[in-house]
N, C-alpha and C. Protein backbone atom coordinates (compact mmCIF):
# COMPACT_ATOMS: atom_id res chain seq x y z
N MET A 1 1.12 -0.97 0.11
CA MET A 1 -0.32 -0.09 0.05
C MET A 1 0.76 0.85 -0.10
N GLY A 2 0.82 1.88 -1.23
CA GLY A 2 1.64 2.91 -1.45
C GLY A 2 0.82 4.28 -0.69
N GLU A 3 1.98 5.45 -0.81
CA GLU A 3 1.81 6.84 -0.48
C GLU A 3 0.40 7.19 -1.10
N LYS A 4 0.24 6.68 -2.62
CA LYS A 4 -1.35 7.23 -2.94
C LYS A 4 -2.66 7.02 -1.77
N ASN A 5 -2.81 5.47 -1.89
CA ASN A 5 -3.39 5.22 -0.72
C ASN A 5 -3.36 6.18 0.17
N ILE A 6 -2.05 6.23 0.52
CA ILE A 6 -2.63 7.12 2.54
C ILE A 6 -3.14 8.19 2.37
N GLU A 7 -2.59 9.20 0.75
CA GLU A 7 -3.47 10.23 1.16
C GLU A 7 -4.93 10.02 0.33
N GLU A 8 -5.31 9.19 -0.08
CA GLU A 8 -6.81 8.91 -0.37
C GLU A 8 -7.68 8.57 1.08
N LYS A 9 -6.88 8.64 2.00
CA LYS A 9 -7.36 8.08 3.24
C LYS A 9 -7.50 9.10 4.50
N VAL A 10 -6.83 10.35 3.91
CA VAL A 10 -5.87 11.35 4.44
C VAL A 10 -7.10 11.96 5.41
N MET A 11 -7.32 13.06 6.12
CA MET A 11 -8.13 14.02 6.67
C MET A 11 -7.55 15.72 7.36
N ILE A 12 -7.73 16.53 6.71
CA ILE A 12 -7.59 17.03 6.98
C ILE A 12 -8.40 17.93 8.30
N MET A 13 -7.53 18.81 9.02
CA MET A 13 -7.73 19.74 10.11
C MET A 13 -7.45 21.19 10.17
N LYS A 14 -7.89 22.27 10.63
CA LYS A 14 -6.71 23.32 10.50
C LYS A 14 -7.21 24.25 11.46
N HIS A 15 -5.91 24.92 12.17
CA HIS A 15 -5.67 25.46 13.14
C HIS A 15 -4.68 25.66 14.04
N ASN A 16 -4.88 27.20 13.96
CA ASN A 16 -3.50 27.84 14.30
C ASN A 16 -2.79 28.16 13.05
N ASN A 17 -2.87 27.97 11.67
CA ASN A 17 -2.45 28.16 10.23
C ASN A 17 -1.72 26.91 10.41
N ILE A 18 -2.10 26.24 11.22
CA ILE A 18 -1.12 24.59 10.75
C ILE A 18 -1.72 23.45 10.11
N LYS A 19 -1.67 22.67 9.14
CA LYS A 19 -2.68 22.16 8.54
C LYS A 19 -2.33 20.33 9.84
N TYR A 20 -3.39 19.37 9.91
CA TYR A 20 -3.01 18.43 10.51
C TYR A 20 -3.65 17.54 9.50
N SER A 21 -2.60 16.00 9.12
CA SER A 21 -2.46 15.49 8.24
C SER A 21 -2.56 13.98 8.60
N SER A 22 -4.32 13.17 9.00
CA SER A 22 -4.49 12.43 9.43
C SER A 22 -5.09 11.02 9.06
N SER A 23 -3.84 10.02 9.12
CA SER A 23 -4.66 8.84 8.74
C SER A 23 -4.50 7.16 8.89
N SER A 24 -5.86 6.40 8.69
CA SER A 24 -5.43 5.34 9.79
C SER A 24 -5.75 4.22 8.68
N SER A 25 -5.53 3.01 8.83
CA SER A 25 -6.29 2.11 8.24
C SER A 25 -7.10 1.60 8.69
N SER A 26 -6.95 1.00 10.51
CA SER A 26 -8.13 0.38 11.19
C SER A 26 -7.94 1.37 12.40
N SER A 27 -8.79 1.50 13.32
CA SER A 27 -8.96 1.84 14.58
C SER A 27 -8.49 0.95 15.62
N SER A 28 -7.55 1.27 16.75
CA SER A 28 -6.80 0.28 17.94
C SER A 28 -6.79 1.22 18.44
N SER A 29 -6.94 0.68 19.72
CA SER A 29 -6.12 1.48 21.24
C SER A 29 -5.18 0.51 22.11
N SER A 30 -4.01 1.04 21.89
CA SER A 30 -3.22 0.51 22.71
C SER A 30 -2.83 0.59 24.00
N SER A 31 -2.47 -0.68 24.62
CA SER A 31 -2.09 -0.97 25.90
C SER A 31 -0.96 -0.52 26.67
N SER A 32 -0.63 -0.06 25.75
CA SER A 32 0.83 0.62 26.51
C SER A 32 0.49 2.38 26.98
N ARG A 33 1.47 2.35 27.98
CA ARG A 33 1.62 3.60 28.82
C ARG A 33 1.94 4.92 27.61
N PHE A 34 2.38 4.53 26.33
CA PHE A 34 2.66 5.24 25.42
C PHE A 34 1.10 5.20 24.37
N LYS A 35 0.83 6.32 24.08
CA LYS A 35 0.19 5.90 23.20
C LYS A 35 -0.04 6.99 21.38
N ARG A 36 1.20 7.82 21.59
CA ARG A 36 1.59 7.96 20.34
C ARG A 36 2.94 8.68 20.09
N VAL A 37 3.47 8.47 19.39
CA VAL A 37 5.55 8.46 19.61
C VAL A 37 5.56 9.19 18.12
N CYS A 38 6.74 10.39 18.42
CA CYS A 38 6.53 11.62 17.84
C CYS A 38 8.00 11.34 17.04
N VAL A 39 8.03 11.05 15.48
CA VAL A 39 9.35 10.53 15.09
C VAL A 39 10.08 11.95 14.40
N PHE A 40 11.13 12.17 14.73
CA PHE A 40 12.00 12.94 14.12
C PHE A 40 13.01 12.30 12.95
N CYS A 41 13.21 13.04 11.68
CA CYS A 41 13.95 11.89 10.85
C CYS A 41 14.14 12.86 9.34
N GLY A 42 15.05 12.39 8.58
CA GLY A 42 14.97 13.49 7.39
C GLY A 42 14.28 13.39 6.42
N SER A 43 14.09 14.19 5.94
CA SER A 43 13.06 14.36 4.60
C SER A 43 14.04 13.48 3.11
N SER A 44 15.01 13.11 3.08
CA SER A 44 15.67 12.35 2.59
C SER A 44 16.34 10.75 2.77
N THR A 45 16.34 9.87 2.11
CA THR A 45 16.57 8.91 2.57
C THR A 45 17.80 8.37 2.88
N GLY A 46 19.04 9.42 2.65
CA GLY A 46 20.38 9.26 3.28
C GLY A 46 20.79 8.54 1.82
N ASN A 47 21.91 7.97 1.73
CA ASN A 47 22.79 7.50 1.30
C ASN A 47 23.35 5.82 1.63
N LYS A 48 22.75 5.42 2.91
CA LYS A 48 23.00 3.98 2.94
C LYS A 48 21.43 3.57 3.15
N THR A 49 21.75 2.27 2.90
CA THR A 49 20.08 1.58 2.45
C THR A 49 20.16 1.35 4.26
N SER A 50 20.80 1.06 5.47
CA SER A 50 20.52 0.45 6.48
C SER A 50 19.77 1.88 7.38
N TYR A 51 19.87 3.19 6.82
CA TYR A 51 18.61 4.21 7.32
C TYR A 51 17.56 3.99 7.01
N ARG A 52 17.67 3.47 5.22
CA ARG A 52 15.79 3.35 5.36
C ARG A 52 15.37 2.09 5.94
N ASP A 53 16.07 0.68 6.47
CA ASP A 53 15.55 0.09 6.87
C ASP A 53 15.30 0.19 8.41
N ALA A 54 15.79 1.06 8.81
CA ALA A 54 15.86 1.39 10.12
C ALA A 54 14.50 1.98 10.29
N ALA A 55 14.38 2.62 9.29
CA ALA A 55 13.02 3.45 9.34
C ALA A 55 12.04 2.87 9.10
N LEU A 56 12.05 1.84 8.06
CA LEU A 56 10.70 0.89 8.41
C LEU A 56 10.81 -0.29 9.66
N GLN A 57 11.84 -0.46 9.98
CA GLN A 57 12.09 -1.53 11.17
C GLN A 57 11.51 -0.52 12.47
N LEU A 58 11.52 0.64 12.73
CA LEU A 58 10.63 1.63 13.99
C LEU A 58 9.52 1.65 13.41
N GLY A 59 8.64 1.56 11.71
CA GLY A 59 7.24 1.88 11.53
C GLY A 59 6.95 0.31 12.05
N GLN A 60 7.70 -0.68 12.27
CA GLN A 60 7.22 -1.86 12.59
C GLN A 60 6.88 -2.15 13.46
N GLU A 61 7.87 -1.31 14.65
CA GLU A 61 8.35 -1.76 16.32
C GLU A 61 6.46 -0.77 16.82
N LEU A 62 6.71 0.28 15.42
CA LEU A 62 5.65 1.31 16.59
C LEU A 62 3.93 -0.15 15.85
N VAL A 63 3.71 -0.14 14.99
CA VAL A 63 2.76 -1.24 14.81
C VAL A 63 2.87 -2.24 15.49
N SER A 64 3.76 -2.93 15.93
CA SER A 64 4.04 -4.00 16.99
C SER A 64 3.49 -4.21 18.14
N ARG A 65 4.07 -2.82 18.66
CA ARG A 65 3.34 -1.92 19.46
C ARG A 65 2.26 -1.24 20.08
N ARG A 66 0.99 -1.60 19.41
CA ARG A 66 0.07 0.08 18.71
C ARG A 66 0.46 0.96 18.91
N LEU A 67 1.55 1.58 18.64
CA LEU A 67 2.05 3.13 19.06
C LEU A 67 1.25 3.35 17.44
N ASP A 68 0.77 4.83 18.24
CA ASP A 68 0.84 5.90 16.79
C ASP A 68 1.63 6.66 16.54
N LEU A 69 1.59 6.82 15.29
CA LEU A 69 2.67 7.82 14.39
C LEU A 69 2.85 9.27 14.84
N VAL A 70 3.73 10.02 14.82
CA VAL A 70 3.35 11.90 14.55
C VAL A 70 4.99 12.26 14.35
N TYR A 71 4.50 13.22 13.36
CA TYR A 71 5.67 13.34 12.57
C TYR A 71 5.41 14.47 11.64
N GLY A 72 6.75 14.82 10.83
CA GLY A 72 6.42 16.66 10.21
C GLY A 72 5.24 16.65 9.08
N GLY A 73 4.98 15.50 8.79
CA GLY A 73 4.25 14.98 7.42
C GLY A 73 4.49 14.89 5.76
N ALA A 74 6.08 15.03 5.83
CA ALA A 74 6.21 14.70 4.29
C ALA A 74 6.23 13.42 3.56
N SER A 75 5.57 13.48 2.46
CA SER A 75 5.77 12.25 1.76
C SER A 75 7.11 11.74 1.48
N ILE A 76 8.32 12.55 1.63
CA ILE A 76 9.04 12.41 1.06
C ILE A 76 10.37 11.19 1.87
N GLY A 77 11.41 10.59 1.47
CA GLY A 77 12.40 10.60 2.50
C GLY A 77 12.29 9.54 3.55
N LEU A 78 12.87 9.24 4.44
CA LEU A 78 12.56 8.36 5.78
C LEU A 78 11.19 9.08 6.48
N MET A 79 10.83 10.22 6.46
CA MET A 79 9.85 10.03 6.69
C MET A 79 8.54 9.78 5.72
N GLY A 80 8.58 9.87 4.77
CA GLY A 80 7.51 9.21 4.16
C GLY A 80 7.24 7.96 4.18
N LEU A 81 8.91 7.08 4.44
CA LEU A 81 8.82 5.64 4.32
C LEU A 81 8.38 5.09 5.93
N ILE A 82 8.88 6.39 6.98
CA ILE A 82 7.90 5.26 7.82
C ILE A 82 6.64 5.87 8.12
N SER A 83 5.86 6.81 7.91
CA SER A 83 4.76 7.11 8.13
C SER A 83 3.38 5.80 6.93
N GLN A 84 4.55 5.50 5.74
CA GLN A 84 3.91 4.66 4.45
C GLN A 84 4.02 3.25 5.45
N GLU A 85 5.13 3.01 5.72
CA GLU A 85 4.82 1.43 7.09
C GLU A 85 4.07 1.68 8.46
N VAL A 86 3.62 2.47 8.80
CA VAL A 86 3.09 2.51 10.09
C VAL A 86 1.33 2.28 9.16
N HIS A 87 1.38 2.56 8.43
CA HIS A 87 -0.14 2.85 7.72
C HIS A 87 0.19 1.79 7.36
N ARG A 88 0.72 0.90 6.22
CA ARG A 88 0.23 -0.26 5.57
C ARG A 88 -0.27 -1.14 7.03
N GLY A 89 0.78 -0.87 8.49
CA GLY A 89 0.81 -1.45 8.68
C GLY A 89 -1.03 -1.66 10.03
N GLY A 90 -1.38 -0.90 9.30
CA GLY A 90 -2.79 -0.61 10.28
C GLY A 90 -3.23 0.42 11.13
N GLY A 91 -1.76 1.20 11.13
CA GLY A 91 -1.61 1.90 12.53
C GLY A 91 -1.81 3.20 12.09
N HIS A 92 -2.34 4.38 12.97
CA HIS A 92 -2.44 5.67 12.93
C HIS A 92 -1.57 6.90 12.71
N VAL A 93 -1.42 7.62 11.33
CA VAL A 93 -0.29 8.42 11.23
C VAL A 93 -1.21 9.95 11.83
N LEU A 94 -0.24 10.41 12.42
CA LEU A 94 -1.03 12.51 12.18
C LEU A 94 0.22 13.00 11.93
N GLY A 95 0.54 13.81 10.87
CA GLY A 95 1.28 14.73 10.13
C GLY A 95 1.34 16.09 9.88
N ILE A 96 1.43 16.85 10.82
CA ILE A 96 1.09 17.63 11.17
C ILE A 96 2.41 18.84 9.97
N ILE A 97 1.53 20.05 9.34
CA ILE A 97 2.29 20.31 8.50
C ILE A 97 2.12 21.42 8.53
N PRO A 98 3.32 22.60 8.59
CA PRO A 98 3.27 23.86 8.56
C PRO A 98 2.61 24.44 7.18
N LYS A 99 1.74 25.53 7.31
CA LYS A 99 1.11 26.39 5.87
C LYS A 99 2.05 27.88 5.89
N SER A 100 3.11 27.45 6.70
CA SER A 100 4.08 29.05 6.50
C SER A 100 4.68 28.47 7.31
N LEU A 101 6.25 29.41 7.67
CA LEU A 101 7.22 29.14 7.85
C LEU A 101 6.65 29.85 9.63
N MET A 102 6.81 28.32 10.21
CA MET A 102 6.14 29.00 12.05
C MET A 102 6.45 27.38 12.45
N CYS A 103 7.97 27.39 12.29
CA CYS A 103 8.92 25.85 13.22
C CYS A 103 8.30 26.20 14.06
N LYS A 104 8.26 27.04 15.14
CA LYS A 104 8.19 26.68 16.67
C LYS A 104 6.71 26.19 16.78
N GLU A 105 5.82 26.65 16.20
CA GLU A 105 4.24 26.20 16.35
C GLU A 105 4.20 24.72 16.02
N ARG A 106 4.74 24.77 15.55
CA ARG A 106 4.85 22.91 14.55
C ARG A 106 5.20 22.23 15.44
N LYS A 107 6.44 22.28 15.98
CA LYS A 107 7.43 21.42 16.63
C LYS A 107 6.24 21.40 17.96
N ALA A 108 5.90 22.90 18.75
CA ALA A 108 4.98 22.84 19.76
C ALA A 108 3.65 21.67 19.47
N GLU A 109 3.29 21.63 18.70
CA GLU A 109 2.23 20.90 18.18
C GLU A 109 2.36 19.08 18.27
N MET A 110 3.67 18.85 17.37
CA MET A 110 3.94 17.57 17.50
C MET A 110 4.24 16.97 18.77
N ALA A 111 4.83 17.77 19.82
CA ALA A 111 5.29 17.64 21.19
C ALA A 111 4.00 17.64 21.71
N ARG A 112 2.81 18.41 21.80
CA ARG A 112 1.96 18.33 22.21
C ARG A 112 0.92 17.17 22.01
N HIS A 113 1.56 16.46 20.94
CA HIS A 113 0.39 15.54 21.10
C HIS A 113 1.11 14.36 20.59
N SER A 114 2.12 13.90 21.13
CA SER A 114 3.29 13.05 21.61
C SER A 114 3.50 12.59 22.87
N ASP A 115 3.41 11.43 23.30
CA ASP A 115 3.79 10.53 25.14
C ASP A 115 5.59 10.61 24.71
N CYS A 116 6.35 10.25 23.38
CA CYS A 116 7.57 10.22 24.13
C CYS A 116 8.31 10.48 21.85
N PHE A 117 9.45 10.79 22.44
CA PHE A 117 10.74 11.31 21.05
C PHE A 117 11.50 9.98 20.49
N ILE A 118 11.55 9.89 19.32
CA ILE A 118 12.46 9.16 18.91
C ILE A 118 13.38 9.66 17.55
N ALA A 119 14.28 9.85 17.28
CA ALA A 119 15.11 10.18 16.10
C ALA A 119 15.91 9.34 15.84
N LEU A 120 15.33 9.16 14.02
CA LEU A 120 16.24 8.45 13.15
C LEU A 120 17.35 9.83 12.40
N PRO A 121 17.99 8.90 11.99
CA PRO A 121 18.93 10.02 10.93
C PRO A 121 18.35 11.14 10.20
N GLY A 122 19.03 12.05 10.13
CA GLY A 122 19.01 13.50 9.17
C GLY A 122 19.62 14.85 9.77
N GLY A 123 19.06 15.69 9.12
CA GLY A 123 20.26 16.68 8.96
C GLY A 123 19.83 17.92 9.59
N TYR A 124 20.05 19.13 9.46
CA TYR A 124 19.88 19.94 11.10
C TYR A 124 18.40 20.80 10.84
N GLY A 125 17.56 19.73 10.21
CA GLY A 125 16.39 20.06 11.21
C GLY A 125 16.00 19.22 12.29
N THR A 126 16.24 17.68 11.76
CA THR A 126 16.06 16.77 12.70
C THR A 126 17.25 16.94 14.22
N LEU A 127 18.17 17.31 13.88
CA LEU A 127 19.29 17.29 15.26
C LEU A 127 18.50 19.16 15.71
N GLU A 128 18.12 19.58 14.87
CA GLU A 128 17.32 21.01 16.32
C GLU A 128 15.96 20.74 16.47
N GLU A 129 15.28 19.36 15.76
CA GLU A 129 14.25 19.26 16.86
C GLU A 129 14.20 18.26 18.17
N LEU A 130 15.46 17.43 17.87
CA LEU A 130 15.70 16.43 19.00
C LEU A 130 16.32 17.55 19.99
N LEU A 131 17.90 18.48 19.52
CA LEU A 131 17.87 18.78 20.96
C LEU A 131 16.90 19.90 21.42
N GLU A 132 16.19 20.56 21.40
CA GLU A 132 14.90 21.40 21.47
C GLU A 132 14.39 20.65 22.67
N VAL A 133 13.60 19.50 22.03
CA VAL A 133 13.14 18.62 22.81
C VAL A 133 13.84 17.76 24.20
N ILE A 134 15.34 18.12 23.92
CA ILE A 134 16.13 17.59 25.23
C ILE A 134 16.21 18.99 26.03
N THR A 135 16.04 19.68 25.39
CA THR A 135 16.43 20.85 26.42
C THR A 135 15.38 21.53 26.97
N TRP A 136 13.75 21.39 26.25
CA TRP A 136 12.56 21.30 27.16
C TRP A 136 12.28 20.00 28.58
N ALA A 137 13.32 19.01 28.13
CA ALA A 137 12.86 18.08 29.51
C ALA A 137 14.01 18.62 30.72
N GLN A 138 14.98 19.01 30.05
CA GLN A 138 15.96 19.79 31.11
C GLN A 138 15.81 20.86 32.03
N LEU A 139 14.68 21.70 30.86
CA LEU A 139 13.98 23.10 32.04
C LEU A 139 12.88 22.37 32.45
N GLY A 140 12.14 21.13 32.89
CA GLY A 140 11.06 21.09 33.54
C GLY A 140 9.57 21.07 32.45
N ILE A 141 9.87 21.72 31.12
CA ILE A 141 8.47 21.43 30.65
C ILE A 141 7.49 19.64 29.98
N HIS A 142 8.68 19.11 29.99
CA HIS A 142 8.44 17.92 29.97
C HIS A 142 8.73 17.20 30.57
N ASP A 143 8.58 15.81 30.71
CA ASP A 143 9.24 14.55 31.29
C ASP A 143 8.84 13.40 30.42
N LYS A 144 8.57 14.08 29.11
CA LYS A 144 8.65 12.43 28.13
C LYS A 144 10.17 11.88 27.84
N PRO A 145 9.75 10.87 27.37
CA PRO A 145 10.90 10.12 26.91
C PRO A 145 11.85 10.75 25.65
N VAL A 146 13.35 9.96 25.63
CA VAL A 146 13.72 11.15 24.15
C VAL A 146 14.25 9.80 23.70
N GLY A 147 14.78 9.39 22.70
CA GLY A 147 15.28 8.04 22.35
C GLY A 147 15.87 8.83 20.91
N LEU A 148 17.41 7.89 20.94
CA LEU A 148 17.78 7.97 19.26
C LEU A 148 18.23 7.03 18.89
N ILE A 149 18.13 6.69 17.54
CA ILE A 149 17.83 5.22 16.74
C ILE A 149 19.63 5.68 16.66
N ASN A 150 20.68 5.06 16.44
CA ASN A 150 21.94 5.44 16.13
C ASN A 150 22.72 4.32 15.46
N VAL A 151 21.50 4.54 13.99
CA VAL A 151 22.01 3.77 13.23
C VAL A 151 23.57 3.98 12.45
N ASP A 152 23.74 2.13 12.58
CA ASP A 152 25.45 2.75 11.91
C ASP A 152 26.24 4.06 12.31
N GLY A 153 26.29 3.79 13.87
CA GLY A 153 26.89 5.08 14.27
C GLY A 153 26.82 6.20 13.91
N TYR A 154 26.00 6.76 13.41
CA TYR A 154 25.34 7.46 12.76
C TYR A 154 26.08 8.97 13.82
N TYR A 155 25.18 8.93 14.75
CA TYR A 155 25.27 9.73 16.13
C TYR A 155 26.76 9.83 17.04
N ASN A 156 27.31 9.15 16.47
CA ASN A 156 28.63 8.93 17.20
C ASN A 156 29.23 9.96 17.61
N ASP A 157 28.71 10.74 16.86
CA ASP A 157 29.79 12.50 16.93
C ASP A 157 28.83 12.86 18.33
N LEU A 158 27.68 13.42 18.03
CA LEU A 158 26.92 13.49 18.93
C LEU A 158 26.69 13.03 20.42
N LEU A 159 26.55 12.09 20.53
CA LEU A 159 26.60 11.34 21.72
C LEU A 159 28.17 11.87 23.07
N THR A 160 29.57 11.56 21.43
CA THR A 160 31.02 12.29 22.10
C THR A 160 30.42 13.61 22.64
N PHE A 161 30.04 14.37 21.44
CA PHE A 161 29.75 15.54 22.34
C PHE A 161 28.97 15.55 23.90
N LEU A 162 28.00 14.93 23.87
CA LEU A 162 27.34 15.52 24.85
C LEU A 162 27.94 14.78 26.25
N ASP A 163 28.95 13.75 25.75
CA ASP A 163 29.95 13.21 26.90
C ASP A 163 30.87 14.11 27.77
N LYS A 164 31.11 14.98 26.36
CA LYS A 164 32.36 16.26 26.80
C LYS A 164 31.86 17.35 27.47
N ALA A 165 30.41 17.44 26.98
CA ALA A 165 30.11 18.52 27.29
C ALA A 165 29.57 18.53 29.19
N VAL A 166 29.03 16.82 29.39
CA VAL A 166 29.26 16.62 30.88
C VAL A 166 30.80 16.75 31.08
N GLU A 167 31.61 16.29 30.92
CA GLU A 167 33.29 16.66 31.50
C GLU A 167 33.25 17.40 31.90
N ASP A 168 33.47 18.17 30.72
CA ASP A 168 33.86 20.03 30.95
C ASP A 168 32.55 20.65 31.75
N GLY A 169 31.55 20.35 32.60
CA GLY A 169 30.79 21.38 32.70
C GLY A 169 29.49 21.81 32.58
N PHE A 170 29.73 21.90 30.94
CA PHE A 170 28.06 21.89 30.59
C PHE A 170 26.95 21.38 30.69
N ILE A 171 27.36 20.47 31.05
CA ILE A 171 26.03 19.65 31.33
C ILE A 171 25.71 18.24 32.61
N MET A 172 24.66 18.44 32.87
CA MET A 172 25.06 17.88 34.26
C MET A 172 24.72 16.22 34.30
N SER A 173 25.40 15.62 34.91
CA SER A 173 26.11 14.18 34.61
C SER A 173 24.41 13.42 34.25
N CYS A 174 23.11 14.29 35.40
CA CYS A 174 22.26 13.54 35.42
C CYS A 174 21.48 13.62 34.75
N GLN A 175 21.68 15.07 34.01
CA GLN A 175 20.40 15.31 32.52
C GLN A 175 21.66 15.35 31.17
N ARG A 176 22.30 13.84 31.57
CA ARG A 176 22.86 13.46 30.00
C ARG A 176 22.18 12.34 29.93
N ASN A 177 21.15 11.63 31.40
CA ASN A 177 20.60 10.69 30.57
C ASN A 177 19.06 11.18 30.44
N ILE A 178 18.75 12.20 30.01
CA ILE A 178 17.28 12.27 29.24
C ILE A 178 17.46 11.67 27.93
N ILE A 179 18.47 11.45 27.10
CA ILE A 179 18.37 10.84 26.30
C ILE A 179 19.25 9.40 26.00
N VAL A 180 18.56 8.35 25.81
CA VAL A 180 18.95 7.65 25.72
C VAL A 180 19.18 6.85 23.51
N SER A 181 20.24 6.20 23.87
CA SER A 181 20.13 5.56 22.48
C SER A 181 20.38 4.08 22.55
N ALA A 182 20.59 4.01 20.97
CA ALA A 182 19.94 2.27 20.65
C ALA A 182 20.86 2.34 19.01
N PRO A 183 21.40 0.94 18.82
CA PRO A 183 21.18 1.12 17.06
C PRO A 183 20.54 0.23 16.50
N THR A 184 19.71 0.32 17.07
CA THR A 184 18.60 -0.14 16.28
C THR A 184 17.42 -0.01 17.04
N PRO A 185 15.73 0.36 16.51
CA PRO A 185 14.47 0.55 16.78
C PRO A 185 14.18 -0.83 17.94
N LYS A 186 13.88 -1.83 17.87
CA LYS A 186 14.16 -3.29 18.75
C LYS A 186 15.24 -2.84 20.05
N GLU A 187 15.98 -2.26 20.22
CA GLU A 187 16.89 -2.15 21.50
C GLU A 187 16.95 -1.14 22.22
N LEU A 188 16.09 -0.41 21.39
CA LEU A 188 15.65 0.77 21.98
C LEU A 188 14.88 0.94 23.35
N ASP A 189 15.65 0.73 24.06
CA ASP A 189 14.65 1.17 25.97
C ASP A 189 13.75 2.53 25.78
N TYR A 190 12.69 1.42 25.96
CA TYR A 190 11.05 3.25 25.69
C TYR A 190 11.01 3.28 27.11
N VAL A 191 11.79 2.87 28.33
CA VAL A 191 11.55 3.89 29.42
C VAL A 191 12.09 4.77 29.87
N PRO A 192 11.85 5.85 30.20
CA PRO A 192 12.38 7.19 30.75
C PRO A 192 13.63 7.14 31.28
N MET A 193 14.85 7.73 31.72
CA MET A 193 15.75 7.32 32.07
C MET A 193 16.03 8.52 33.47
N HIS A 194 15.27 9.55 32.81
CA HIS A 194 15.61 11.16 33.89
C HIS A 194 14.44 11.11 34.82
N ASP A 195 13.71 10.11 35.42
CA ASP A 195 12.92 10.61 36.12
C ASP A 195 13.37 10.68 37.20
N GLY A 196 13.26 12.37 38.15
CA GLY A 196 13.74 13.03 39.03
C GLY A 196 14.10 14.10 38.63
N VAL A 197 14.74 13.80 37.11
CA VAL A 197 15.63 14.93 36.84
C VAL A 197 14.74 16.23 36.73
N VAL A 198 14.03 15.78 35.62
CA VAL A 198 13.13 17.39 35.96
C VAL A 198 12.10 17.22 36.38
N ALA A 199 10.79 18.67 36.35
CA ALA A 199 10.11 18.25 37.50
C ALA A 199 9.05 18.27 36.35
N LYS A 200 7.78 17.26 37.67
CA LYS A 200 6.87 16.76 36.62
C LYS A 200 5.92 17.58 36.46
N VAL A 201 5.97 17.87 35.19
CA VAL A 201 4.86 19.07 34.53
C VAL A 201 4.15 18.62 34.11
N LYS A 202 2.70 18.76 33.98
CA LYS A 202 2.35 18.43 33.06
C LYS A 202 1.51 19.13 32.11
N TRP A 203 2.38 18.23 30.31
CA TRP A 203 2.06 19.58 28.75
C TRP A 203 0.84 19.77 29.00
N GLU A 204 0.61 21.32 28.98
CA GLU A 204 -0.63 21.96 28.48
C GLU A 204 -0.58 22.62 27.10
N ALA A 205 -1.59 23.30 26.58
CA ALA A 205 -1.25 23.76 25.63
C ALA A 205 -0.98 25.51 26.00
N GLU A 206 -1.13 25.94 27.24
CA GLU A 206 -1.02 27.16 27.36
C GLU A 206 0.48 27.52 27.68
N GLN A 207 1.47 26.12 28.75
CA GLN A 207 2.36 25.79 29.10
C GLN A 207 3.40 26.16 27.51
N VAL A 208 2.91 25.66 26.41
CA VAL A 208 4.03 25.76 24.95
C VAL A 208 3.72 27.28 24.33
N GLU A 209 2.45 27.82 24.33
CA GLU A 209 2.63 28.81 23.88
C GLU A 209 3.11 29.94 24.74
N LEU A 210 3.25 29.86 25.84
CA LEU A 210 4.49 31.03 27.00
C LEU A 210 5.48 30.29 26.72
N HIS A 211 6.40 29.33 26.42
CA HIS A 211 7.59 28.83 26.13
C HIS A 211 7.93 29.63 24.14
N ILE A 212 6.64 28.77 23.38
CA ILE A 212 6.67 29.77 21.81
C ILE A 212 6.75 31.83 22.34
N ALA A 213 5.77 32.44 23.40
CA ALA A 213 5.78 33.60 23.32
C ALA A 213 7.15 34.33 23.56
N LEU A 214 8.33 33.42 25.15
CA LEU A 214 9.15 33.79 25.39
C LEU A 214 10.49 33.69 24.24
N GLN A 215 10.32 33.11 23.72
CA GLN A 215 11.48 32.38 22.32
C GLN A 215 11.25 33.95 21.48
N THR A 216 9.72 34.42 21.09
CA THR A 216 10.05 35.54 20.95
C THR A 216 10.33 36.67 20.60
N GLU A 217 9.86 36.37 22.39
CA GLU A 217 10.16 38.22 22.63
C GLU A 217 11.83 37.97 22.62
N ILE A 218 12.58 37.12 22.88
CA ILE A 218 14.05 37.09 23.36
C ILE A 218 14.76 37.64 21.89
N ALA A 219 14.23 36.75 21.17
CA ALA A 219 14.68 36.70 19.55
C ALA A 219 14.28 37.96 19.05
N ARG A 220 13.77 39.23 19.84
CA ARG A 220 13.31 40.95 18.77
C ARG A 220 14.99 41.49 19.55
């Protein structure tokens, strides 16, 4: 079942100039304490087949755990592969697509609709999204798990940087555990390792809006 079939089942909603693209092959509820997983990944498939394989494997893992997918809404690259795989397996897909260049609002909406975050290989956008949700956890804005699929050592340098930042006193050692990593989706520990590190703050829309307003004010 390809991209065309997904688009035929798509439902579009509009809110605050953001487009929500929702599709599902079947309706099912998850028995997991997680219901929706936000995945950050590239709009390109990269130069290695292992990156594409990891996206498909993560999609299959979400389906097997009966978890919904929240993602950036693109139909190309790793984003397209994982969304098609989840849909093909009968899972529910929520794509949040910006109608204009309002990246902060888009990321806040993706986070609001998700119970945890997972990053696959990607470029600048993926890295920026990943680091922002880690920072939000550090600040106590959320206590949702953050996972990294380190395919073929793609993120080795990033993990080395984080360890160096801890060593040199820029990141607290307990905050280093905000992010967990694994080489494959099956090996990723879906249990948060930073309980007690951040404040237990319930995620509410007004909190996200306040965060956006503060960032806008700082940028002026």
